[in-house]
Amino acid sequence: MNIFEEDLNDTITFWEKIKNIFRGKSLWMLHYCTGCGAVELPPTMTARFDMERLGMGPMATPRQADVLLITGYLSVKTLRRVIYTYEQMMTPKYLVGFGSCTLNGGIYYDSYAVIDRLDYYLPVDLYVAGCMPRPEAIMNTFKTLENMITKGEANGWKKYVENYDWYRNNQIRSLGEVYVKDEFHE
């Protein structure tokens, strides 16, 4: 991250760059596990690979999480819950798709009940490649995400706001009406 002389004169740019440096060093992850790939998360989070040394930790609620990690395939029912969860997160927020299931449906690509493209419904900042990705690949992806945040390049949440109608129409086309039900929207 470089802060140049002209950035010091532009307070918005300067402070955004400072915020991005800190955002990239402390990430709280909420994982939404729907498939077999979730079995790789415990070794990643615990002593063997210790993702906390990268400044990442697990979080129990979407309102306090920065990163939403989707593991495994999404059915029509689970996609609705993922949309609720994503919309409850505060901005800036980041979405990571885990494994080939979130990219193309994986081995269930031709099932009528499986959503085969997550980025058609929500803005994915990064994908972790593989079926199923090993802990080293997960750690590499998180490190890449941290670098993208620090450089101000992880802007999926801005893309979601700017193109909300497009995402919303895709969600409604697959799910019917999508209602967010919580204490703020009822």
Foldseek 3Di string as FASTA:
>chain_A
DDDDPVCVVVVVSVVLLVVLLVPLQAFEEEEDEDDDLCVQVVCLCDDNNNLCVSRYYYDDALQPGQEYEYEAWDFLVRLLVVVLSPVNYDPPHAYEYFEQCQPANPPCNPPPGTDGHNCQQANHQYYQYDDHHHSVSVSVVSNVVSVCSSVVNRCRVVVCVVPVVSNLVSNCVRHNHRARDDPVRD
